[in-house]
C-alpha atoms as a PDB file:
ATOM      1  CA  MET A   1      13.506 -80.442  -2.487  1.00  0.00           C
ATOM      2  CA  PHE A   2      10.783 -79.651   0.051  1.00  0.00           C
ATOM      3  CA  LEU A   3      12.211 -82.188   2.531  1.00  0.00           C
ATOM      4  CA  SER A   4      15.660 -80.807   2.054  1.00  0.00           C
ATOM      5  CA  MET A   5      14.817 -77.305   2.731  1.00  0.00           C
ATOM      6  CA  SER A   6      12.848 -78.207   5.651  1.00  0.00           C
ATOM      7  CA  LEU A   7      15.921 -80.401   7.144  1.00  0.00           C
ATOM      8  CA  VAL A   8      17.930 -77.683   6.662  1.00  0.00           C
ATOM      9  CA  PHE A   9      15.745 -75.091   8.338  1.00  0.00           C
ATOM     10  CA  LEU A  10      15.179 -77.524  11.380  1.00  0.00           C
ATOM     11  CA  LEU A  11      18.663 -78.206  11.826  1.00  0.00           C
ATOM     12  CA  GLY A  12      19.777 -74.688  11.906  1.00  0.00           C
ATOM     13  CA  ALA A  13      16.824 -73.523  14.649  1.00  0.00           C
ATOM     14  CA  GLY A  14      18.032 -76.735  16.708  1.00  0.00           C
ATOM     15  CA  ARG A  15      21.529 -75.286  16.567  1.00  0.00           C
ATOM     16  CA  GLN A  16      20.070 -71.453  17.643  1.00  0.00           C
ATOM     17  CA  ALA A  17      18.024 -73.483  20.335  1.00  0.00           C
ATOM     18  CA  LEU A  18      21.080 -75.678  21.903  1.00  0.00           C
ATOM     19  CA  ALA A  19      23.035 -72.504  22.067  1.00  0.00           C
ATOM     20  CA  CYS A  20      23.624 -71.394  25.857  1.00  0.00           C
ATOM     21  CA  SER A  21      24.061 -68.192  27.906  1.00  0.00           C
ATOM     22  CA  SER A  22      27.186 -69.649  29.298  1.00  0.00           C
ATOM     23  CA  CYS A  23      28.485 -71.266  26.408  1.00  0.00           C
ATOM     24  CA  GLY A  24      31.755 -69.612  24.747  1.00  0.00           C
ATOM     25  CA  SER A  25      31.754 -66.285  27.240  1.00  0.00           C
ATOM     26  CA  GLY A  26      34.641 -68.256  29.448  1.00  0.00           C
ATOM     27  CA  GLY A  27      32.235 -68.548  32.177  1.00  0.00           C
ATOM     28  CA  ALA A  28      31.402 -72.122  31.781  1.00  0.00           C
ATOM     29  CA  ASP A  29      32.360 -75.289  29.425  1.00  0.00           C
ATOM     30  CA  PRO A  30      33.428 -74.296  25.870  1.00  0.00           C
ATOM     31  CA  VAL A  31      32.040 -76.715  23.860  1.00  0.00           C
ATOM     32  CA  VAL A  32      28.185 -77.650  23.181  1.00  0.00           C
ATOM     33  CA  LEU A  33      26.676 -80.330  21.378  1.00  0.00           C
ATOM     34  CA  ASN A  34      23.677 -79.463  18.782  1.00  0.00           C
ATOM     35  CA  PRO A  35      20.801 -81.728  18.542  1.00  0.00           C
ATOM     36  CA  TYR A  36      21.851 -83.793  15.854  1.00  0.00           C
ATOM     37  CA  GLU A  37      25.631 -84.212  16.679  1.00  0.00           C
ATOM     38  CA  ASN A  38      27.027 -86.918  18.947  1.00  0.00           C
ATOM     39  CA  HIS A  39      30.771 -86.085  19.007  1.00  0.00           C
ATOM     40  CA  LYS A  40      32.490 -82.660  18.663  1.00  0.00           C
ATOM     41  CA  LEU A  41      36.214 -81.638  18.861  1.00  0.00           C
ATOM     42  CA  TYR A  42      36.911 -78.259  20.317  1.00  0.00           C
ATOM     43  CA  LEU A  43      40.561 -76.233  20.064  1.00  0.00           C
ATOM     44  CA  GLY A  44      40.730 -73.072  21.389  1.00  0.00           C
ATOM     45  CA  LEU A  45      43.523 -70.642  21.694  1.00  0.00           C
ATOM     46  CA  SER A  46      43.621 -67.676  24.354  1.00  0.00           C
ATOM     47  CA  GLN A  47      45.789 -64.674  25.199  1.00  0.00           C
ATOM     48  CA  GLN A  48      44.921 -62.399  28.171  1.00  0.00           C
ATOM     49  CA  ALA A  49      47.458 -59.017  28.660  1.00  0.00           C
ATOM     50  CA  GLY A  50      47.339 -55.858  30.181  1.00  0.00           C
ATOM     51  CA  PHE A  51      47.333 -57.195  33.769  1.00  0.00           C
ATOM     52  CA  ARG A  52      46.703 -54.996  36.733  1.00  0.00           C
ATOM     53  CA  ASP A  53      45.782 -56.153  40.041  1.00  0.00           C
ATOM     54  CA  ILE A  54      42.747 -54.653  41.846  1.00  0.00           C
ATOM     55  CA  ASP A  55      43.375 -54.504  45.867  1.00  0.00           C
ATOM     56  CA  LYS A  56      40.954 -54.942  48.408  1.00  0.00           C
ATOM     57  CA  ASN A  57      39.340 -51.078  48.039  1.00  0.00           C
ATOM     58  CA  GLY A  58      38.870 -51.694  43.926  1.00  0.00           C
ATOM     59  CA  GLU A  59      42.079 -49.369  43.245  1.00  0.00           C
ATOM     60  CA  HIS A  60      44.251 -50.657  40.587  1.00  0.00           C
ATOM     61  CA  ARG A  61      47.875 -51.421  41.030  1.00  0.00           C
ATOM     62  CA  ARG A  62      50.318 -52.801  38.781  1.00  0.00           C
ATOM     63  CA  GLY A  63      50.733 -56.263  37.925  1.00  0.00           C
ATOM     64  CA  TYR A  64      52.942 -58.565  39.444  1.00  0.00           C
ATOM     65  CA  GLY A  65      52.426 -61.540  37.878  1.00  0.00           C
ATOM     66  CA  PRO A  66      53.192 -62.655  34.027  1.00  0.00           C
ATOM     67  CA  GLU A  67      52.685 -59.581  31.576  1.00  0.00           C
ATOM     68  CA  ARG A  68      50.908 -62.291  29.037  1.00  0.00           C
ATOM     69  CA  LYS A  69      49.154 -65.268  29.494  1.00  0.00           C
ATOM     70  CA  GLN A  70      48.316 -67.697  26.521  1.00  0.00           C
ATOM     71  CA  THR A  71      46.602 -70.713  26.967  1.00  0.00           C
ATOM     72  CA  LEU A  72      45.613 -73.583  24.669  1.00  0.00           C
ATOM     73  CA  ASP A  73      42.240 -75.593  25.513  1.00  0.00           C
ATOM     74  CA  LEU A  74      41.443 -79.005  23.904  1.00  0.00           C
ATOM     75  CA  ALA A  75      38.163 -80.343  24.433  1.00  0.00           C
ATOM     76  CA  TRP A  76      35.940 -83.282  23.453  1.00  0.00           C
ATOM     77  CA  ALA A  77      32.066 -83.591  23.683  1.00  0.00           C
ATOM     78  CA  GLU A  78      30.312 -86.638  23.876  1.00  0.00           C
ATOM     79  CA  ARG A  79      26.543 -87.328  23.589  1.00  0.00           C
ATOM     80  CA  LEU A  80      24.804 -89.519  26.162  1.00  0.00           C
ATOM     81  CA  SER A  81      21.255 -89.341  25.360  1.00  0.00           C
ATOM     82  CA  SER A  82      18.825 -86.977  23.218  1.00  0.00           C
ATOM     83  CA  GLN A  83      18.755 -84.626  26.281  1.00  0.00           C
ATOM     84  CA  ALA A  84      22.428 -85.031  28.040  1.00  0.00           C
ATOM     85  CA  PHE A  85      25.804 -84.769  27.075  1.00  0.00           C
ATOM     86  CA  VAL A  86      29.373 -84.669  28.626  1.00  0.00           C
ATOM     87  CA  SER A  87      32.716 -82.776  27.693  1.00  0.00           C
ATOM     88  CA  ALA A  88      36.501 -82.851  28.871  1.00  0.00           C
ATOM     89  CA  VAL A  89      38.561 -80.000  28.699  1.00  0.00           C
ATOM     90  CA  ALA A  90      42.285 -80.202  29.206  1.00  0.00           C
ATOM     91  CA  THR A  91      44.476 -76.812  29.360  1.00  0.00           C
ATOM     92  CA  PHE A  92      48.001 -75.904  28.559  1.00  0.00           C
ATOM     93  CA  GLY A  93      49.368 -72.555  29.039  1.00  0.00           C
ATOM     94  CA  ARG A  94      52.421 -70.465  28.713  1.00  0.00           C
ATOM     95  CA  ASN A  95      53.323 -67.331  30.841  1.00  0.00           C
ATOM     96  CA  VAL A  96      55.341 -64.675  29.552  1.00  0.00           C
ATOM     97  CA  ARG A  97      57.008 -61.656  31.338  1.00  0.00           C
ATOM     98  CA  GLY A  98      59.628 -59.474  29.594  1.00  0.00           C
ATOM     99  CA  SER A  99      62.061 -62.506  27.671  1.00  0.00           C
ATOM    100  CA  ASP A 100      61.238 -64.869  30.215  1.00  0.00           C
ATOM    101  CA  SER A 101      58.471 -67.418  29.397  1.00  0.00           C
ATOM    102  CA  GLU A 102      57.339 -70.811  31.237  1.00  0.00           C
ATOM    103  CA  MET A 103      55.027 -73.822  29.488  1.00  0.00           C
ATOM    104  CA  GLN A 104      52.692 -75.805  31.464  1.00  0.00           C
ATOM    105  CA  ASN A 105      49.707 -77.915  31.671  1.00  0.00           C
ATOM    106  CA  GLY A 106      46.688 -76.386  33.472  1.00  0.00           C
ATOM    107  CA  ASP A 107      43.928 -78.080  35.241  1.00  0.00           C
ATOM    108  CA  LEU A 108      41.682 -80.511  33.775  1.00  0.00           C
ATOM    109  CA  ALA A 109      37.792 -80.382  33.443  1.00  0.00           C
ATOM    110  CA  LEU A 110      35.019 -82.777  33.244  1.00  0.00           C
ATOM    111  CA  ASN A 111      30.963 -81.084  32.255  1.00  0.00           C
ATOM    112  CA  ALA A 112      27.578 -82.545  31.956  1.00  0.00           C
ATOM    113  CA  ARG A 113      24.535 -80.713  30.794  1.00  0.00           C
ATOM    114  CA  TRP A 114      20.800 -82.044  31.106  1.00  0.00           C
ATOM    115  CA  ASN A 115      18.076 -80.256  29.011  1.00  0.00           C
ATOM    116  CA  LEU A 116      15.436 -79.855  31.651  1.00  0.00           C
ATOM    117  CA  MET A 117      13.032 -78.153  29.103  1.00  0.00           C
ATOM    118  CA  GLN A 118      13.665 -78.217  25.282  1.00  0.00           C
ATOM    119  CA  ALA A 119      12.940 -75.146  23.032  1.00  0.00           C
ATOM    120  CA  ASN A 120      10.183 -75.456  20.529  1.00  0.00           C
ATOM    121  CA  ILE A 121      10.317 -73.635  17.384  1.00  0.00           C
ATOM    122  CA  ALA A 122       6.188 -73.457  17.309  1.00  0.00           C
ATOM    123  CA  GLU A 123       6.540 -71.752  20.579  1.00  0.00           C
ATOM    124  CA  PRO A 124       9.299 -69.406  20.391  1.00  0.00           C
ATOM    125  CA  TRP A 125       8.839 -67.888  23.857  1.00  0.00           C
ATOM    126  CA  ILE A 126       9.353 -71.230  25.638  1.00  0.00           C
ATOM    127  CA  PRO A 127      12.917 -71.272  26.434  1.00  0.00           C
ATOM    128  CA  GLN A 128      15.797 -74.002  26.990  1.00  0.00           C
ATOM    129  CA  VAL A 129      16.570 -74.772  30.350  1.00  0.00           C
ATOM    130  CA  GLN A 130      19.759 -76.667  30.840  1.00  0.00           C
ATOM    131  CA  LEU A 131      21.138 -78.238  34.325  1.00  0.00           C
ATOM    132  CA  LEU A 132      25.230 -78.111  34.215  1.00  0.00           C
ATOM    133  CA  VAL A 133      27.425 -80.096  36.456  1.00  0.00           C
ATOM    134  CA  SER A 134      31.057 -79.579  36.481  1.00  0.00           C
ATOM    135  CA  HIS A 135      34.353 -80.576  38.024  1.00  0.00           C
ATOM    136  CA  ARG A 136      37.917 -79.101  37.999  1.00  0.00           C
ATOM    137  CA  PHE A 137      40.816 -81.382  39.160  1.00  0.00           C
ATOM    138  CA  ALA A 138      43.811 -79.284  40.382  1.00  0.00           C
ATOM    139  CA  VAL A 139      46.552 -80.676  37.997  1.00  0.00           C
ATOM    140  CA  GLY A 140      48.537 -77.820  37.025  1.00  0.00           C
ATOM    141  CA  ARG A 141      51.088 -75.863  39.354  1.00  0.00           C
ATOM    142  CA  SER A 142      49.189 -73.128  41.638  1.00  0.00           C
ATOM    143  CA  MET A 143      50.508 -70.437  43.524  1.00  0.00           C
ATOM    144  CA  TYR A 144      50.506 -72.640  46.823  1.00  0.00           C
ATOM    145  CA  ASP A 145      53.820 -74.490  45.213  1.00  0.00           C
ATOM    146  CA  GLN A 146      55.117 -71.737  42.756  1.00  0.00           C
ATOM    147  CA  LYS A 147      58.818 -71.924  41.978  1.00  0.00           C
ATOM    148  CA  ARG A 148      59.601 -69.064  39.617  1.00  0.00           C
ATOM    149  CA  ASP A 149      59.557 -65.500  40.158  1.00  0.00           C
ATOM    150  CA  TYR A 150      56.571 -63.141  38.791  1.00  0.00           C
ATOM    151  CA  ALA A 151      54.419 -66.608  39.248  1.00  0.00           C
ATOM    152  CA  LEU A 152      55.483 -67.382  35.546  1.00  0.00           C
ATOM    153  CA  ASP A 153      55.026 -71.295  36.495  1.00  0.00           C
ATOM    154  CA  VAL A 154      51.332 -70.768  37.952  1.00  0.00           C
ATOM    155  CA  PHE A 155      48.719 -72.378  35.467  1.00  0.00           C
ATOM    156  CA  GLY A 156      46.242 -73.894  38.123  1.00  0.00           C
ATOM    157  CA  ALA A 157      43.965 -72.571  40.974  1.00  0.00           C
ATOM    158  CA  GLY A 158      45.583 -75.114  43.161  1.00  0.00           C
ATOM    159  CA  TYR A 159      42.402 -77.145  44.668  1.00  0.00           C
ATOM    160  CA  ASP A 160      39.665 -78.820  43.071  1.00  0.00           C
ATOM    161  CA  GLU A 161      36.214 -77.475  42.794  1.00  0.00           C
ATOM    162  CA  THR A 162      32.943 -78.838  41.787  1.00  0.00           C
ATOM    163  CA  TYR A 163      30.315 -76.635  40.296  1.00  0.00           C
ATOM    164  CA  VAL A 164      26.522 -76.811  39.781  1.00  0.00           C
ATOM    165  CA  GLY A 165      24.164 -74.538  38.040  1.00  0.00           C
ATOM    166  CA  ALA A 166      21.320 -73.668  35.464  1.00  0.00           C
ATOM    167  CA  ASP A 167      21.120 -72.074  32.179  1.00  0.00           C
ATOM    168  CA  LEU A 168      18.576 -70.451  30.540  1.00  0.00           C
ATOM    169  CA  TRP A 169      18.230 -69.490  26.822  1.00  0.00           C
ATOM    170  CA  TYR A 170      15.543 -68.197  24.867  1.00  0.00           C
ATOM    171  CA  GLY A 171      16.928 -68.727  21.019  1.00  0.00           C
ATOM    172  CA  MET A 172      14.069 -69.115  18.825  1.00  0.00           C
ATOM    173  CA  ASN A 173      13.245 -65.412  18.182  1.00  0.00           C
ATOM    174  CA  THR A 174      15.565 -62.550  16.268  1.00  0.00           C
ATOM    175  CA  LEU A 175      16.706 -61.479  19.516  1.00  0.00           C
ATOM    176  CA  MET A 176      18.338 -64.352  21.553  1.00  0.00           C
ATOM    177  CA  PHE A 177      18.793 -63.509  25.204  1.00  0.00           C
ATOM    178  CA  GLY A 178      19.386 -65.884  28.463  1.00  0.00           C
ATOM    179  CA  GLY A 179      21.195 -66.153  31.570  1.00  0.00           C
ATOM    180  CA  SER A 180      23.150 -68.363  33.754  1.00  0.00           C
ATOM    181  CA  VAL A 181      23.814 -69.033  37.559  1.00  0.00           C
ATOM    182  CA  ILE A 182      26.732 -71.324  38.587  1.00  0.00           C
ATOM    183  CA  PHE A 183      27.857 -71.857  42.038  1.00  0.00           C
ATOM    184  CA  GLY A 184      31.347 -73.263  42.830  1.00  0.00           C
ATOM    185  CA  LEU A 185      32.286 -75.807  46.153  1.00  0.00           C
ATOM    186  CA  PRO A 186      36.040 -75.652  46.269  1.00  0.00           C
ATOM    187  CA  GLN A 187      37.982 -78.159  48.284  1.00  0.00           C
ATOM    188  CA  ALA A 188      40.667 -77.405  50.906  1.00  0.00           C
ATOM    189  CA  VAL A 189      44.069 -77.971  49.877  1.00  0.00           C
ATOM    190  CA  ASP A 190      47.152 -78.673  52.390  1.00  0.00           C
ATOM    191  CA  THR A 191      50.365 -76.394  51.370  1.00  0.00           C
ATOM    192  CA  GLU A 192      53.573 -76.164  53.130  1.00  0.00           C
ATOM    193  CA  ALA A 193      52.192 -73.380  54.949  1.00  0.00           C
ATOM    194  CA  GLY A 194      49.161 -74.706  56.268  1.00  0.00           C
ATOM    195  CA  ARG A 195      45.686 -75.785  55.335  1.00  0.00           C
ATOM    196  CA  ILE A 196      43.807 -73.399  53.194  1.00  0.00           C
ATOM    197  CA  GLN A 197      39.800 -73.590  52.445  1.00  0.00           C
ATOM    198  CA  PRO A 198      39.044 -71.125  49.568  1.00  0.00           C
ATOM    199  CA  GLY A 199      35.248 -69.609  49.917  1.00  0.00           C
ATOM    200  CA  ALA A 200      32.577 -70.607  47.988  1.00  0.00           C
ATOM    201  CA  MET A 201      31.932 -69.310  44.578  1.00  0.00           C
ATOM    202  CA  GLN A 202      28.696 -67.896  42.841  1.00  0.00           C
ATOM    203  CA  ARG A 203      28.773 -66.430  39.241  1.00  0.00           C
ATOM    204  CA  TRP A 204      25.863 -64.713  37.264  1.00  0.00           C
ATOM    205  CA  ILE A 205      26.006 -64.405  33.424  1.00  0.00           C
ATOM    206  CA  GLY A 206      23.802 -62.502  31.244  1.00  0.00           C
ATOM    207  CA  THR A 207      23.874 -62.656  27.573  1.00  0.00           C
ATOM    208  CA  VAL A 208      21.932 -61.032  24.655  1.00  0.00           C
ATOM    209  CA  GLY A 209      22.344 -61.014  20.846  1.00  0.00           C
ATOM    210  CA  GLY A 210      21.088 -62.345  17.626  1.00  0.00           C
ATOM    211  CA  LEU A 211      21.900 -63.248  13.992  1.00  0.00           C
ATOM    212  CA  VAL A 212      24.298 -60.761  11.727  1.00  0.00           C
ATOM    213  CA  ARG A 213      23.370 -63.504   9.338  1.00  0.00           C
ATOM    214  CA  GLU A 214      21.886 -66.766   8.718  1.00  0.00           C
ATOM    215  CA  ASP A 215      25.020 -68.327   9.245  1.00  0.00           C
ATOM    216  CA  VAL A 216      27.028 -66.133  12.075  1.00  0.00           C
ATOM    217  CA  LYS A 217      25.850 -65.150  15.490  1.00  0.00           C
ATOM    218  CA  LEU A 218      26.930 -62.331  17.571  1.00  0.00           C
ATOM    219  CA  ILE A 219      26.534 -62.376  21.458  1.00  0.00           C
ATOM    220  CA  GLY A 220      27.585 -60.130  24.245  1.00  0.00           C
ATOM    221  CA  GLY A 221      27.336 -60.363  27.665  1.00  0.00           C
ATOM    222  CA  VAL A 222      28.478 -59.672  31.336  1.00  0.00           C
ATOM    223  CA  ILE A 223      29.987 -61.835  34.093  1.00  0.00           C
ATOM    224  CA  HIS A 224      29.480 -61.236  37.803  1.00  0.00           C
ATOM    225  CA  GLU A 225      31.512 -63.489  39.813  1.00  0.00           C
ATOM    226  CA  GLN A 226      32.002 -63.318  43.769  1.00  0.00           C
ATOM    227  CA  ARG A 227      34.040 -65.724  45.946  1.00  0.00           C
ATOM    228  CA  GLY A 228      34.118 -65.694  49.673  1.00  0.00           C
ATOM    229  CA  GLY A 229      37.014 -65.186  51.629  1.00  0.00           C
ATOM    230  CA  PHE A 230      39.266 -68.103  52.107  1.00  0.00           C
ATOM    231  CA  GLU A 231      40.218 -69.863  55.793  1.00  0.00           C
ATOM    232  CA  TYR A 232      43.790 -70.336  56.722  1.00  0.00           C
ATOM    233  CA  LYS A 233      44.569 -72.979  59.641  1.00  0.00           C
ATOM    234  CA  GLY A 234      41.090 -72.788  60.396  1.00  0.00           C
ATOM    235  CA  GLU A 235      40.907 -68.888  60.641  1.00  0.00           C
ATOM    236  CA  LYS A 236      38.914 -66.888  58.669  1.00  0.00           C
ATOM    237  CA  GLN A 237      41.257 -64.098  56.695  1.00  0.00           C
ATOM    238  CA  PRO A 238      39.601 -60.370  56.669  1.00  0.00           C
ATOM    239  CA  ASP A 239      39.464 -58.874  53.501  1.00  0.00           C
ATOM    240  CA  SER A 240      40.026 -61.846  51.162  1.00  0.00           C
ATOM    241  CA  ASP A 241      36.868 -62.079  49.298  1.00  0.00           C
ATOM    242  CA  ARG A 242      36.767 -61.624  45.712  1.00  0.00           C
ATOM    243  CA  LEU A 243      34.218 -59.686  43.259  1.00  0.00           C
ATOM    244  CA  SER A 244      34.753 -59.239  39.918  1.00  0.00           C
ATOM    245  CA  HIS A 245      32.743 -57.879  37.009  1.00  0.00           C
ATOM    246  CA  ASP A 246      33.876 -58.786  33.168  1.00  0.00           C
ATOM    247  CA  ALA A 247      32.339 -58.326  30.022  1.00  0.00           C
ATOM    248  CA  PHE A 248      32.644 -60.290  26.604  1.00  0.00           C
ATOM    249  CA  LEU A 249      31.632 -60.283  23.080  1.00  0.00           C
ATOM    250  CA  THR A 250      31.211 -63.494  21.061  1.00  0.00           C
ATOM    251  CA  PHE A 251      31.214 -63.978  17.121  1.00  0.00           C
ATOM    252  CA  GLU A 252      30.488 -67.367  16.028  1.00  0.00           C
ATOM    253  CA  THR A 253      29.739 -69.315  12.825  1.00  0.00           C
ATOM    254  CA  LEU A 254      26.455 -71.519  12.771  1.00  0.00           C
ATOM    255  CA  PHE A 255      27.763 -73.646   9.483  1.00  0.00           C
ATOM    256  CA  ILE A 256      25.146 -76.784   8.874  1.00  0.00           C
ATOM    257  CA  GLU A 257      28.244 -78.945   7.942  1.00  0.00           C
ATOM    258  CA  GLY A 258      32.010 -78.670   8.243  1.00  0.00           C
ATOM    259  CA  SER A 259      34.041 -76.687  10.777  1.00  0.00           C
ATOM    260  CA  ASN A 260      32.585 -73.536  12.812  1.00  0.00           C
ATOM    261  CA  TYR A 261      34.882 -70.751  14.299  1.00  0.00           C
ATOM    262  CA  ARG A 262      34.256 -68.611  17.661  1.00  0.00           C
ATOM    263  CA  LEU A 263      36.128 -65.503  18.342  1.00  0.00           C
ATOM    264  CA  THR A 264      35.586 -64.093  21.834  1.00  0.00           C
ATOM    265  CA  LEU A 265      36.854 -60.670  22.869  1.00  0.00           C
ATOM    266  CA  ASN A 266      36.835 -60.085  26.820  1.00  0.00           C
ATOM    267  CA  ARG A 267      38.124 -57.604  29.393  1.00  0.00           C
ATOM    268  CA  ARG A 268      38.098 -58.550  32.697  1.00  0.00           C
ATOM    269  CA  GLY A 269      37.544 -56.397  36.199  1.00  0.00           C
ATOM    270  CA  VAL A 270      36.189 -53.369  33.931  1.00  0.00           C
ATOM    271  CA  LEU A 271      32.340 -53.124  35.223  1.00  0.00           C
ATOM    272  CA  GLY A 272      31.085 -51.600  38.543  1.00  0.00           C
ATOM    273  CA  ARG A 273      32.862 -52.415  41.747  1.00  0.00           C
ATOM    274  CA  ASN A 274      35.996 -55.049  41.934  1.00  0.00           C
ATOM    275  CA  ARG A 275      37.606 -56.306  44.577  1.00  0.00           C
ATOM    276  CA  ASN A 276      40.983 -58.358  45.027  1.00  0.00           C
ATOM    277  CA  ALA A 277      40.546 -58.914  41.603  1.00  0.00           C
ATOM    278  CA  VAL A 278      42.300 -58.532  38.099  1.00  0.00           C
ATOM    279  CA  HIS A 279      42.114 -56.456  35.392  1.00  0.00           C
ATOM    280  CA  ALA A 280      43.003 -57.773  31.903  1.00  0.00           C
ATOM    281  CA  HIS A 281      42.092 -57.937  28.319  1.00  0.00           C
ATOM    282  CA  GLY A 282      41.921 -60.659  25.874  1.00  0.00           C
ATOM    283  CA  PHE A 283      40.616 -62.951  23.015  1.00  0.00           C
ATOM    284  CA  THR A 284      39.893 -66.239  22.381  1.00  0.00           C
ATOM    285  CA  LEU A 285      39.849 -68.062  18.900  1.00  0.00           C
ATOM    286  CA  ALA A 286      38.424 -71.325  18.548  1.00  0.00           C
ATOM    287  CA  TRP A 287      37.605 -73.848  16.065  1.00  0.00           C
ATOM    288  CA  MET A 288      35.296 -76.511  16.455  1.00  0.00           C
ATOM    289  CA  ARG A 289      34.049 -79.759  14.318  1.00  0.00           C
ATOM    290  CA  ALA A 290      31.203 -82.443  14.843  1.00  0.00           C
ATOM    291  CA  LEU A 291      32.769 -85.668  14.052  1.00  0.00           C
END
């Protein structure tokens, strides 16, 4: 009896510890492996609506693209060692405007995380520190080769991008909190109009939350994302840099056995100053199961 209770306690503590500030926020890879998990399947359904464009002066304009974006993410995570795991995420989307819609595949992402420092239940103020590396493959149709009005056939970024970053998480206390910094290094893309080099990206994520009950976690946070201006045919385009501030709130179950569920509510372009960004609101409902 004592051993069983101890095992459940340690597994629950490990599950808290291996959470991360960027997981489930929409700011990084959506699926994470807990210490005793070797494989995990993730299925996430998202919808974004209420789109309004934000111009270079921070003014809201009406949206010129889809009125609703619906996305299905299918992910698989695989453990490499006690300190590292990888995951792959495939995306399928549906864009809707009025009675018209289009469905296509989106981009593909491969992710990896390493635990540089492991949290310890005996020392609750020792954080978990993870190094993350990711690469997004531009396999979905982008704005550079769109053929439909209102960008209904746009489901990808249009360029490959490699991400590197670090994630710090204090997850052993009643109040959990952490932060992440992620840098994106995009590749140039050749289009019919000429060669385009997107600017480098930096993303900062701050997260705070706690346990609503022993098997339900509530996490909220903000995402600051900034991207430098792009170059067109070797020339820097003025006023093409991007700045966006988003907010999210996540409810996630922490069951020791069986399936787990996550609901994330988000609002894009709603905090502080935004530039060349998008205002929208939406949700993601996800199902996860360790196998």
